[in-house]
Amino acid sequence: MGGGYSPAKAAALFLSSITRSELADQGTEVIALIVGSVDTRMAAHVQGRKEDPRDIARAGLTALDRGEYVADPDFMAVDARARYARDPVRYERGLTKLLNATVMDTGR
């Protein structure tokens, strides 16, 4: 799952920069929200803490008011970015273990 999902998220992040540049002259503001797990139908099968979509929207609007281009609007996103910043190698090794465990659990 992460092999396709993560690159798509990275592409969306870069697309936000391109879109921001293209629409700046007309006054359109663009912000990328780096979101963790949100309580939606898509994430119904995901175990653990999930954020209320309304909280994500509020955090996004607050970040937009501050003039931010990228925002981590929930605990999972903030925590992941902080763990990666502290020790990128350890973070990636942990991600590898997580992805391998998911493959083993699902048989994919």
Protein backbone atom coordinates (compact mmCIF):
# COMPACT_ATOMS: atom_id res chain seq x y z
CA MET A 1 0.00 0.00 0.00
CA GLY A 2 2.69 2.53 0.94
CA GLY A 3 4.56 1.93 -2.30
CA GLY A 4 1.87 3.69 -4.30
CA TYR A 5 0.17 5.81 -1.68
CA SER A 6 3.23 7.64 -0.36
CA PRO A 7 4.56 8.75 -3.77
CA ALA A 8 1.07 9.99 -4.64
CA LYS A 9 1.04 12.10 -1.46
CA ALA A 10 4.49 13.48 -2.30
CA ALA A 11 3.30 14.36 -5.80
CA ALA A 12 0.28 16.15 -4.32
CA LEU A 13 2.62 18.19 -2.11
CA PHE A 14 4.64 19.33 -5.12
CA LEU A 15 1.46 19.95 -7.09
CA SER A 16 0.37 22.37 -4.36
CA SER A 17 3.56 24.41 -4.93
CA ILE A 18 3.03 24.49 -8.67
CA THR A 19 -0.64 25.40 -8.29
CA ARG A 20 0.20 28.13 -5.75
CA SER A 21 2.63 29.69 -8.24
CA GLU A 22 0.22 29.48 -11.15
CA LEU A 23 -2.71 31.00 -9.24
CA ALA A 24 -0.86 33.63 -7.21
CA ASP A 25 -1.58 36.47 -9.66
CA GLN A 26 -5.34 36.01 -9.25
CA GLY A 27 -5.07 36.00 -5.44
CA THR A 28 -5.87 32.30 -4.95
CA GLU A 29 -4.18 30.82 -1.89
CA VAL A 30 -3.11 27.17 -1.83
CA ILE A 31 -2.05 25.15 1.19
CA ALA A 32 -0.99 21.51 1.45
CA LEU A 33 -2.28 19.65 4.50
CA ILE A 34 -0.05 16.72 5.48
CA VAL A 35 -2.73 14.65 7.16
CA GLY A 36 -2.36 11.51 9.23
CA SER A 37 -5.34 9.33 10.06
CA VAL A 38 -8.73 11.01 9.76
CA ASP A 39 -12.06 9.51 10.82
CA THR A 40 -13.59 9.01 7.37
CA ARG A 41 -15.17 6.08 5.54
CA MET A 42 -11.88 5.50 3.75
CA ALA A 43 -10.12 4.99 7.10
CA ALA A 44 -12.90 2.96 8.74
CA HIS A 45 -10.69 -0.17 8.75
CA VAL A 46 -7.71 1.64 10.33
CA GLN A 47 -7.15 0.95 14.01
CA GLY A 48 -5.97 3.60 16.44
CA ARG A 49 -6.36 7.30 16.90
CA LYS A 50 -8.18 9.17 14.14
CA GLU A 51 -8.85 12.88 13.93
CA ASP A 52 -12.23 14.48 13.39
CA PRO A 53 -12.42 15.92 9.83
CA ARG A 54 -13.77 19.19 11.26
CA ASP A 55 -10.62 19.57 13.37
CA ILE A 56 -8.47 19.04 10.27
CA ALA A 57 -10.45 21.69 8.39
CA ARG A 58 -10.09 24.17 11.28
CA ALA A 59 -6.34 23.54 11.50
CA GLY A 60 -6.03 24.03 7.74
CA LEU A 61 -7.89 27.33 7.84
CA THR A 62 -5.75 28.51 10.75
CA ALA A 63 -2.57 27.62 8.84
CA LEU A 64 -3.92 29.42 5.78
CA ASP A 65 -4.61 32.53 7.90
CA ARG A 66 -0.98 32.40 9.09
CA GLY A 67 0.25 32.32 5.50
CA GLU A 68 1.67 28.81 5.74
CA TYR A 69 2.14 26.80 2.56
CA VAL A 70 2.30 23.38 4.25
CA ALA A 71 0.68 22.32 7.52
CA ASP A 72 0.59 19.24 9.72
CA PRO A 73 -2.97 19.56 11.05
CA ASP A 74 -3.10 16.48 13.32
CA PHE A 75 -1.13 14.54 15.91
CA MET A 76 -0.06 11.69 13.61
CA ALA A 77 1.41 14.05 11.00
CA VAL A 78 3.23 16.17 13.60
CA ASP A 79 4.57 13.08 15.37
CA ALA A 80 5.76 11.43 12.15
CA ARG A 81 7.55 14.57 10.95
CA ALA A 82 9.20 15.04 14.37
CA ARG A 83 10.37 11.40 14.54
CA TYR A 84 11.78 11.66 11.02
CA ALA A 85 13.61 14.91 11.86
CA ARG A 86 15.19 13.38 14.98
CA ASP A 87 16.47 10.21 13.28
CA PRO A 88 15.66 9.68 9.58
CA VAL A 89 17.42 6.31 9.32
CA ARG A 90 15.63 4.86 12.34
CA TYR A 91 12.31 6.25 11.11
CA GLU A 92 12.73 4.64 7.69
CA ARG A 93 13.77 1.31 9.24
CA GLY A 94 10.65 1.40 11.38
CA LEU A 95 8.54 2.20 8.33
CA THR A 96 10.07 -0.78 6.53
CA LYS A 97 9.14 -3.07 9.44
CA LEU A 98 5.61 -1.65 9.50
CA LEU A 99 5.12 -2.13 5.76
CA ASN A 100 6.51 -5.66 5.90
CA ALA A 101 4.19 -6.51 8.78
CA THR A 102 1.23 -5.15 6.81
CA VAL A 103 2.18 -7.28 3.81
CA MET A 104 2.42 -10.36 6.05
CA ASP A 105 -0.98 -9.63 7.67
CA THR A 106 -2.80 -9.07 4.39
CA GLY A 107 -0.97 -11.69 2.37
CA ARG A 108 -0.06 -9.11 -0.32
